Amino acid sequence: MTASKARYAHIFDRAAADHYVEPSWVSQRLFEVERFAGTIADPACGWGRILASAQAAGYPVLGLDLVDRGAAERVPGLTFQQADFLRDPIVLPHPCAIICNPPFDQVESFALKALELAHQVAMIMPVRRLPAARWLQATPLRWIYFLTPRPSMPPGGHIEAGGRIGGGTQDYAWLLWDTRSIGEPGVRWLMRRRSRRDMGERPITSVRSRLPRSSRSRNISMIQSLALYLANRTRVRFRQR
């Protein structure tokens, strides 16, 4: 029997208040490929990594969180509000875009609340949850960006304690909504490193329909197929952005 090479990938215990920290490249790359209007608001800002990337990309930033984790000290010039995004009255500047890494058990609640407050919304979601996310059919979902390689998202306490950060154990994607979008959502791959090779979209449907939203059909089975594809690691041709 041939010995296999050990691979370090840790499965963490549930973090208090679901404080998991994404690597900075996840948001840095998003701001390189997408444009947003106005202030970037993160309603689950944690340490402020997404807002630091937004600020570096030239956006004014606003952070909110149920727990004050010191984002204002980590991101100079950040305006921070300690608030419960789902329960407290939230007043945001106009225009603004809401971008965050929400508690994964509350992605639906965060997304629907965010879409009441902003035209543009982007949130991280585990890919394995997409097949069951039927609520997406009724939302103006525009893009799904699969993150590659798998990002590791350890609890903040693990990082603060000097714990080792290995390879990721789950696939994640950015979900992007735009309340002014028409047509079916599309899918792209978002790489950690930039490449000169172009990456165009592989639409979820064969064409992006230009029908008015009232007559659009958002077929969740296509998202299920994408999730199964990613899980099975099927090799397909695509262009890298």
C-alpha atoms as a PDB file:
ATOM      1  CA  MET A   1       0.000   0.000   0.000  1.00  0.00           C
ATOM      2  CA  THR A   2       1.372   3.385  -0.987  1.00  0.00           C
ATOM      3  CA  ALA A   3       1.469   5.898   1.855  1.00  0.00           C
ATOM      4  CA  SER A   4      -0.544   9.029   1.134  1.00  0.00           C
ATOM      5  CA  LYS A   5       0.793  12.474   1.826  1.00  0.00           C
ATOM      6  CA  ALA A   6      -0.656  14.022   4.954  1.00  0.00           C
ATOM      7  CA  ARG A   7      -2.807  17.083   4.400  1.00  0.00           C
ATOM      8  CA  TYR A   8      -3.542  19.554   7.158  1.00  0.00           C
ATOM      9  CA  ALA A   9      -7.192  20.544   7.183  1.00  0.00           C
ATOM     10  CA  HIS A  10      -8.807  21.201  10.533  1.00  0.00           C
ATOM     11  CA  ILE A  11     -12.494  20.886  11.422  1.00  0.00           C
ATOM     12  CA  PHE A  12     -13.190  23.488  14.096  1.00  0.00           C
ATOM     13  CA  ASP A  13     -15.666  23.444  16.943  1.00  0.00           C
ATOM     14  CA  ARG A  14     -18.636  25.815  16.656  1.00  0.00           C
ATOM     15  CA  ALA A  15     -17.444  29.368  17.312  1.00  0.00           C
ATOM     16  CA  ALA A  16     -19.167  31.625  19.824  1.00  0.00           C
ATOM     17  CA  ALA A  17     -21.630  33.933  18.013  1.00  0.00           C
ATOM     18  CA  ASP A  18     -20.540  32.266  14.753  1.00  0.00           C
ATOM     19  CA  HIS A  19     -17.396  34.385  14.474  1.00  0.00           C
ATOM     20  CA  TYR A  20     -15.489  32.807  11.601  1.00  0.00           C
ATOM     21  CA  VAL A  21     -12.804  34.738   9.745  1.00  0.00           C
ATOM     22  CA  GLU A  22     -12.350  34.532   5.996  1.00  0.00           C
ATOM     23  CA  PRO A  23      -8.902  35.106   4.427  1.00  0.00           C
ATOM     24  CA  SER A  24      -8.418  38.614   3.074  1.00  0.00           C
ATOM     25  CA  TRP A  25      -8.047  37.475  -0.540  1.00  0.00           C
ATOM     26  CA  VAL A  26     -11.712  36.458  -0.612  1.00  0.00           C
ATOM     27  CA  SER A  27     -12.903  40.064  -0.397  1.00  0.00           C
ATOM     28  CA  GLN A  28      -9.891  41.619  -2.121  1.00  0.00           C
ATOM     29  CA  ARG A  29     -10.608  39.626  -5.259  1.00  0.00           C
ATOM     30  CA  LEU A  30     -14.313  40.459  -5.127  1.00  0.00           C
ATOM     31  CA  PHE A  31     -13.573  44.182  -5.229  1.00  0.00           C
ATOM     32  CA  GLU A  32     -11.211  43.626  -8.146  1.00  0.00           C
ATOM     33  CA  VAL A  33     -13.913  42.070 -10.318  1.00  0.00           C
ATOM     34  CA  GLU A  34     -17.090  43.849  -9.199  1.00  0.00           C
ATOM     35  CA  ARG A  35     -18.079  47.497  -8.860  1.00  0.00           C
ATOM     36  CA  PHE A  36     -20.393  48.773  -6.149  1.00  0.00           C
ATOM     37  CA  ALA A  37     -22.109  52.105  -5.619  1.00  0.00           C
ATOM     38  CA  GLY A  38     -21.492  54.272  -2.577  1.00  0.00           C
ATOM     39  CA  THR A  39     -20.538  53.111   0.912  1.00  0.00           C
ATOM     40  CA  ILE A  40     -19.743  49.474   1.655  1.00  0.00           C
ATOM     41  CA  ALA A  41     -21.644  48.348   4.770  1.00  0.00           C
ATOM     42  CA  ASP A  42     -20.879  45.050   6.517  1.00  0.00           C
ATOM     43  CA  PRO A  43     -23.570  44.068   9.059  1.00  0.00           C
ATOM     44  CA  ALA A  44     -21.485  41.191  10.456  1.00  0.00           C
ATOM     45  CA  CYS A  45     -18.111  42.884  10.210  1.00  0.00           C
ATOM     46  CA  GLY A  46     -16.213  41.010  12.944  1.00  0.00           C
ATOM     47  CA  TRP A  47     -12.604  42.166  12.670  1.00  0.00           C
ATOM     48  CA  GLY A  48     -13.384  44.223   9.574  1.00  0.00           C
ATOM     49  CA  ARG A  49     -11.474  42.264   6.938  1.00  0.00           C
ATOM     50  CA  ILE A  50     -14.075  42.814   4.227  1.00  0.00           C
ATOM     51  CA  LEU A  51     -14.198  46.520   5.068  1.00  0.00           C
ATOM     52  CA  ALA A  52     -10.402  46.775   4.993  1.00  0.00           C
ATOM     53  CA  SER A  53     -10.479  45.349   1.459  1.00  0.00           C
ATOM     54  CA  ALA A  54     -13.271  47.741   0.499  1.00  0.00           C
ATOM     55  CA  GLN A  55     -11.357  50.696   1.906  1.00  0.00           C
ATOM     56  CA  ALA A  56      -8.234  49.658  -0.009  1.00  0.00           C
ATOM     57  CA  ALA A  57     -10.371  49.581  -3.154  1.00  0.00           C
ATOM     58  CA  GLY A  58     -11.419  53.185  -2.534  1.00  0.00           C
ATOM     59  CA  TYR A  59     -14.821  52.811  -0.889  1.00  0.00           C
ATOM     60  CA  PRO A  60     -16.072  54.559   2.266  1.00  0.00           C
ATOM     61  CA  VAL A  61     -16.932  51.899   4.837  1.00  0.00           C
ATOM     62  CA  LEU A  62     -19.426  51.268   7.633  1.00  0.00           C
ATOM     63  CA  GLY A  63     -19.324  48.323  10.030  1.00  0.00           C
ATOM     64  CA  LEU A  64     -22.033  46.802  12.214  1.00  0.00           C
ATOM     65  CA  ASP A  65     -21.963  43.758  14.450  1.00  0.00           C
ATOM     66  CA  LEU A  66     -23.797  42.257  17.380  1.00  0.00           C
ATOM     67  CA  VAL A  67     -20.439  42.073  19.188  1.00  0.00           C
ATOM     68  CA  ASP A  68     -17.736  44.736  19.094  1.00  0.00           C
ATOM     69  CA  ARG A  69     -14.625  42.808  18.022  1.00  0.00           C
ATOM     70  CA  GLY A  70     -12.401  45.837  17.551  1.00  0.00           C
ATOM     71  CA  ALA A  71     -12.999  46.454  13.859  1.00  0.00           C
ATOM     72  CA  ALA A  72     -12.657  50.235  14.323  1.00  0.00           C
ATOM     73  CA  GLU A  73      -9.156  49.729  15.741  1.00  0.00           C
ATOM     74  CA  ARG A  74      -8.174  47.383  12.910  1.00  0.00           C
ATOM     75  CA  VAL A  75      -9.573  49.547  10.080  1.00  0.00           C
ATOM     76  CA  PRO A  76      -8.570  53.224  10.445  1.00  0.00           C
ATOM     77  CA  GLY A  77     -11.401  55.601   9.650  1.00  0.00           C
ATOM     78  CA  LEU A  78     -14.098  52.948   9.992  1.00  0.00           C
ATOM     79  CA  THR A  79     -17.457  54.018  11.401  1.00  0.00           C
ATOM     80  CA  PHE A  80     -18.699  51.192  13.633  1.00  0.00           C
ATOM     81  CA  GLN A  81     -22.150  50.606  15.131  1.00  0.00           C
ATOM     82  CA  GLN A  82     -22.855  47.836  17.627  1.00  0.00           C
ATOM     83  CA  ALA A  83     -26.261  46.570  16.555  1.00  0.00           C
ATOM     84  CA  ASP A  84     -28.359  43.503  15.839  1.00  0.00           C
ATOM     85  CA  PHE A  85     -28.815  43.734  12.082  1.00  0.00           C
ATOM     86  CA  LEU A  86     -31.894  41.516  12.042  1.00  0.00           C
ATOM     87  CA  ARG A  87     -33.756  43.138  14.950  1.00  0.00           C
ATOM     88  CA  ASP A  88     -32.598  46.722  15.400  1.00  0.00           C
ATOM     89  CA  PRO A  89     -33.674  49.616  13.164  1.00  0.00           C
ATOM     90  CA  ILE A  90     -30.800  50.125  10.720  1.00  0.00           C
ATOM     91  CA  VAL A  91     -30.113  53.412   8.938  1.00  0.00           C
ATOM     92  CA  LEU A  92     -27.540  53.267   6.146  1.00  0.00           C
ATOM     93  CA  PRO A  93     -26.099  55.985   3.924  1.00  0.00           C
ATOM     94  CA  HIS A  94     -27.413  56.259   0.389  1.00  0.00           C
ATOM     95  CA  PRO A  95     -26.237  54.853  -1.885  1.00  0.00           C
ATOM     96  CA  CYS A  96     -24.637  51.822  -0.281  1.00  0.00           C
ATOM     97  CA  ALA A  97     -23.916  48.157  -0.921  1.00  0.00           C
ATOM     98  CA  ILE A  98     -24.150  45.498   1.800  1.00  0.00           C
ATOM     99  CA  ILE A  99     -21.351  42.931   1.733  1.00  0.00           C
ATOM    100  CA  CYS A 100     -20.643  40.419   4.476  1.00  0.00           C
ATOM    101  CA  ASN A 101     -19.765  36.956   5.722  1.00  0.00           C
ATOM    102  CA  PRO A 102     -22.956  36.268   7.724  1.00  0.00           C
ATOM    103  CA  PRO A 103     -23.662  33.455  10.188  1.00  0.00           C
ATOM    104  CA  PHE A 104     -24.313  30.573   7.812  1.00  0.00           C
ATOM    105  CA  ASP A 105     -27.511  29.547   9.594  1.00  0.00           C
ATOM    106  CA  GLN A 106     -28.855  33.042   8.942  1.00  0.00           C
ATOM    107  CA  VAL A 107     -27.811  33.737   5.353  1.00  0.00           C
ATOM    108  CA  GLU A 108     -31.433  33.886   4.194  1.00  0.00           C
ATOM    109  CA  SER A 109     -32.474  36.319   6.932  1.00  0.00           C
ATOM    110  CA  PHE A 110     -29.424  38.522   6.375  1.00  0.00           C
ATOM    111  CA  ALA A 111     -29.869  38.550   2.609  1.00  0.00           C
ATOM    112  CA  LEU A 112     -33.577  39.375   2.670  1.00  0.00           C
ATOM    113  CA  LYS A 113     -33.065  42.162   5.208  1.00  0.00           C
ATOM    114  CA  ALA A 114     -30.129  43.532   3.199  1.00  0.00           C
ATOM    115  CA  LEU A 115     -32.199  43.577   0.002  1.00  0.00           C
ATOM    116  CA  GLU A 116     -34.707  45.825   1.775  1.00  0.00           C
ATOM    117  CA  LEU A 117     -31.941  48.334   2.474  1.00  0.00           C
ATOM    118  CA  ALA A 118     -29.653  48.292  -0.581  1.00  0.00           C
ATOM    119  CA  HIS A 119     -29.716  47.646  -4.326  1.00  0.00           C
ATOM    120  CA  GLN A 120     -26.459  45.647  -4.264  1.00  0.00           C
ATOM    121  CA  VAL A 121     -25.812  42.817  -1.812  1.00  0.00           C
ATOM    122  CA  ALA A 122     -23.038  40.213  -1.625  1.00  0.00           C
ATOM    123  CA  MET A 123     -22.702  37.432   0.944  1.00  0.00           C
ATOM    124  CA  ILE A 124     -20.554  34.351   1.450  1.00  0.00           C
ATOM    125  CA  MET A 125     -22.366  31.009   1.587  1.00  0.00           C
ATOM    126  CA  PRO A 126     -21.212  27.384   1.850  1.00  0.00           C
ATOM    127  CA  VAL A 127     -21.769  25.680  -1.497  1.00  0.00           C
ATOM    128  CA  ARG A 128     -23.212  22.569   0.156  1.00  0.00           C
ATOM    129  CA  ARG A 129     -26.200  24.667   1.277  1.00  0.00           C
ATOM    130  CA  LEU A 130     -27.136  25.841  -2.213  1.00  0.00           C
ATOM    131  CA  PRO A 131     -29.297  22.844  -3.238  1.00  0.00           C
ATOM    132  CA  ALA A 132     -31.661  23.405  -0.300  1.00  0.00           C
ATOM    133  CA  ALA A 133     -31.728  27.203  -0.654  1.00  0.00           C
ATOM    134  CA  ARG A 134     -35.050  27.378  -2.502  1.00  0.00           C
ATOM    135  CA  TRP A 135     -35.607  30.870  -1.151  1.00  0.00           C
ATOM    136  CA  LEU A 136     -33.077  32.082  -3.731  1.00  0.00           C
ATOM    137  CA  GLN A 137     -35.652  31.577  -6.476  1.00  0.00           C
ATOM    138  CA  ALA A 138     -37.598  34.631  -5.324  1.00  0.00           C
ATOM    139  CA  THR A 139     -34.565  36.932  -5.080  1.00  0.00           C
ATOM    140  CA  PRO A 140     -32.774  39.053  -7.710  1.00  0.00           C
ATOM    141  CA  LEU A 141     -29.666  36.855  -7.618  1.00  0.00           C
ATOM    142  CA  ARG A 142     -27.195  38.045 -10.259  1.00  0.00           C
ATOM    143  CA  TRP A 143     -23.965  36.067  -9.845  1.00  0.00           C
ATOM    144  CA  ILE A 144     -22.532  33.110  -7.978  1.00  0.00           C
ATOM    145  CA  TYR A 145     -18.736  33.298  -7.594  1.00  0.00           C
ATOM    146  CA  PHE A 146     -17.178  29.966  -6.583  1.00  0.00           C
ATOM    147  CA  LEU A 147     -14.041  30.590  -4.492  1.00  0.00           C
ATOM    148  CA  THR A 148     -10.997  28.559  -5.400  1.00  0.00           C
ATOM    149  CA  PRO A 149      -8.949  27.183  -3.782  1.00  0.00           C
ATOM    150  CA  ARG A 150     -11.143  26.369  -0.801  1.00  0.00           C
ATOM    151  CA  PRO A 151     -10.676  29.181   1.725  1.00  0.00           C
ATOM    152  CA  SER A 152     -10.147  28.198   5.351  1.00  0.00           C
ATOM    153  CA  MET A 153     -12.468  30.097   7.710  1.00  0.00           C
ATOM    154  CA  PRO A 154     -11.372  29.301  11.280  1.00  0.00           C
ATOM    155  CA  PRO A 155     -12.973  30.820  14.382  1.00  0.00           C
ATOM    156  CA  GLY A 156     -11.531  34.163  15.398  1.00  0.00           C
ATOM    157  CA  GLY A 157     -10.571  32.715  18.778  1.00  0.00           C
ATOM    158  CA  HIS A 158      -8.463  30.038  17.072  1.00  0.00           C
ATOM    159  CA  ILE A 159      -6.517  32.708  15.172  1.00  0.00           C
ATOM    160  CA  GLU A 160      -6.063  34.909  18.260  1.00  0.00           C
ATOM    161  CA  ALA A 161      -4.696  31.913  20.170  1.00  0.00           C
ATOM    162  CA  GLY A 162      -2.046  31.423  17.487  1.00  0.00           C
ATOM    163  CA  GLY A 163      -3.658  28.287  16.103  1.00  0.00           C
ATOM    164  CA  ARG A 164      -2.535  26.868  12.816  1.00  0.00           C
ATOM    165  CA  ILE A 165      -4.608  27.673   9.727  1.00  0.00           C
ATOM    166  CA  GLY A 166      -4.556  24.838   7.234  1.00  0.00           C
ATOM    167  CA  GLY A 167      -6.391  24.103   4.041  1.00  0.00           C
ATOM    168  CA  GLY A 168     -10.124  24.628   3.787  1.00  0.00           C
ATOM    169  CA  THR A 169     -12.515  21.710   4.225  1.00  0.00           C
ATOM    170  CA  GLN A 170     -15.571  23.264   2.550  1.00  0.00           C
ATOM    171  CA  ASP A 171     -16.363  25.007  -0.711  1.00  0.00           C
ATOM    172  CA  TYR A 172     -17.698  28.549  -0.481  1.00  0.00           C
ATOM    173  CA  ALA A 173     -19.184  31.034  -2.909  1.00  0.00           C
ATOM    174  CA  TRP A 174     -20.031  34.690  -3.045  1.00  0.00           C
ATOM    175  CA  LEU A 175     -23.698  35.289  -3.852  1.00  0.00           C
ATOM    176  CA  LEU A 176     -24.318  38.670  -5.501  1.00  0.00           C
ATOM    177  CA  TRP A 177     -27.732  40.271  -5.782  1.00  0.00           C
ATOM    178  CA  ASP A 178     -28.829  43.410  -7.591  1.00  0.00           C
ATOM    179  CA  THR A 179     -32.434  44.564  -7.235  1.00  0.00           C
ATOM    180  CA  ARG A 180     -32.155  46.200 -10.671  1.00  0.00           C
ATOM    181  CA  SER A 181     -30.912  43.023 -12.366  1.00  0.00           C
ATOM    182  CA  ILE A 182     -32.964  41.200 -14.974  1.00  0.00           C
ATOM    183  CA  GLY A 183     -32.435  37.738 -16.395  1.00  0.00           C
ATOM    184  CA  GLU A 184     -31.158  34.525 -14.909  1.00  0.00           C
ATOM    185  CA  PRO A 185     -28.180  34.426 -12.499  1.00  0.00           C
ATOM    186  CA  GLY A 186     -24.766  33.441 -13.824  1.00  0.00           C
ATOM    187  CA  VAL A 187     -21.781  31.642 -12.325  1.00  0.00           C
ATOM    188  CA  ARG A 188     -18.105  32.513 -12.274  1.00  0.00           C
ATOM    189  CA  TRP A 189     -14.988  31.225 -10.573  1.00  0.00           C
ATOM    190  CA  LEU A 190     -13.030  33.634  -8.387  1.00  0.00           C
ATOM    191  CA  MET A 191      -9.392  32.618  -8.029  1.00  0.00           C
ATOM    192  CA  ARG A 192      -7.082  33.571  -5.197  1.00  0.00           C
ATOM    193  CA  ARG A 193      -4.457  34.706  -7.682  1.00  0.00           C
ATOM    194  CA  ARG A 194      -5.117  36.851 -10.687  1.00  0.00           C
ATOM    195  CA  SER A 195      -4.288  35.463 -14.096  1.00  0.00           C
ATOM    196  CA  ARG A 196      -3.907  36.868 -17.578  1.00  0.00           C
ATOM    197  CA  ARG A 197      -6.304  34.254 -18.795  1.00  0.00           C
ATOM    198  CA  ASP A 198      -9.778  35.715 -19.188  1.00  0.00           C
ATOM    199  CA  MET A 199     -12.594  34.261 -17.158  1.00  0.00           C
ATOM    200  CA  GLY A 200     -16.008  34.830 -18.637  1.00  0.00           C
ATOM    201  CA  GLU A 201     -19.213  33.630 -17.178  1.00  0.00           C
ATOM    202  CA  ARG A 202     -20.667  30.153 -17.484  1.00  0.00           C
ATOM    203  CA  PRO A 203     -24.342  31.088 -17.200  1.00  0.00           C
ATOM    204  CA  ILE A 204     -26.615  28.932 -15.105  1.00  0.00           C
ATOM    205  CA  THR A 205     -28.953  28.936 -18.072  1.00  0.00           C
ATOM    206  CA  SER A 206     -27.789  28.927 -21.682  1.00  0.00           C
ATOM    207  CA  VAL A 207     -28.529  32.655 -22.033  1.00  0.00           C
ATOM    208  CA  ARG A 208     -29.148  35.482 -19.596  1.00  0.00           C
ATOM    209  CA  SER A 209     -32.794  36.234 -20.277  1.00  0.00           C
ATOM    210  CA  ARG A 210     -33.911  39.834 -20.718  1.00  0.00           C
ATOM    211  CA  LEU A 211     -37.448  39.162 -19.561  1.00  0.00           C
ATOM    212  CA  PRO A 212     -38.971  41.430 -16.920  1.00  0.00           C
ATOM    213  CA  ARG A 213     -38.584  40.056 -13.398  1.00  0.00           C
ATOM    214  CA  SER A 214     -42.286  39.225 -13.134  1.00  0.00           C
ATOM    215  CA  SER A 215     -41.917  36.647 -15.919  1.00  0.00           C
ATOM    216  CA  ARG A 216     -38.499  35.279 -15.009  1.00  0.00           C
ATOM    217  CA  SER A 217     -38.158  31.649 -13.988  1.00  0.00           C
ATOM    218  CA  ARG A 218     -35.370  30.969 -11.523  1.00  0.00           C
ATOM    219  CA  ASN A 219     -34.697  27.271 -11.823  1.00  0.00           C
ATOM    220  CA  ILE A 220     -33.193  26.013  -8.575  1.00  0.00           C
ATOM    221  CA  SER A 221     -32.330  22.667 -10.171  1.00  0.00           C
ATOM    222  CA  MET A 222     -29.594  24.432 -12.126  1.00  0.00           C
ATOM    223  CA  ILE A 223     -28.028  25.593  -8.867  1.00  0.00           C
ATOM    224  CA  GLN A 224     -28.313  22.043  -7.557  1.00  0.00           C
ATOM    225  CA  SER A 225     -26.446  20.801 -10.613  1.00  0.00           C
ATOM    226  CA  LEU A 226     -23.684  23.330 -10.019  1.00  0.00           C
ATOM    227  CA  ALA A 227     -23.312  22.264  -6.406  1.00  0.00           C
ATOM    228  CA  LEU A 228     -23.112  18.617  -7.449  1.00  0.00           C
ATOM    229  CA  TYR A 229     -20.576  19.496 -10.122  1.00  0.00           C
ATOM    230  CA  LEU A 230     -18.335  21.203  -7.613  1.00  0.00           C
ATOM    231  CA  ALA A 231     -18.665  18.368  -5.125  1.00  0.00           C
ATOM    232  CA  ASN A 232     -17.730  15.777  -7.756  1.00  0.00           C
ATOM    233  CA  ARG A 233     -14.818  17.869  -9.056  1.00  0.00           C
ATOM    234  CA  THR A 234     -15.875  17.390 -12.667  1.00  0.00           C
ATOM    235  CA  ARG A 235     -13.331  18.945 -14.984  1.00  0.00           C
ATOM    236  CA  VAL A 236     -14.778  21.492 -17.384  1.00  0.00           C
ATOM    237  CA  ARG A 237     -13.273  24.197 -19.522  1.00  0.00           C
ATOM    238  CA  PHE A 238     -13.589  27.705 -18.207  1.00  0.00           C
ATOM    239  CA  ARG A 239     -11.742  30.966 -18.431  1.00  0.00           C
ATOM    240  CA  GLN A 240     -10.071  32.426 -15.359  1.00  0.00           C
ATOM    241  CA  ARG A 241     -10.496  36.014 -14.279  1.00  0.00           C
END
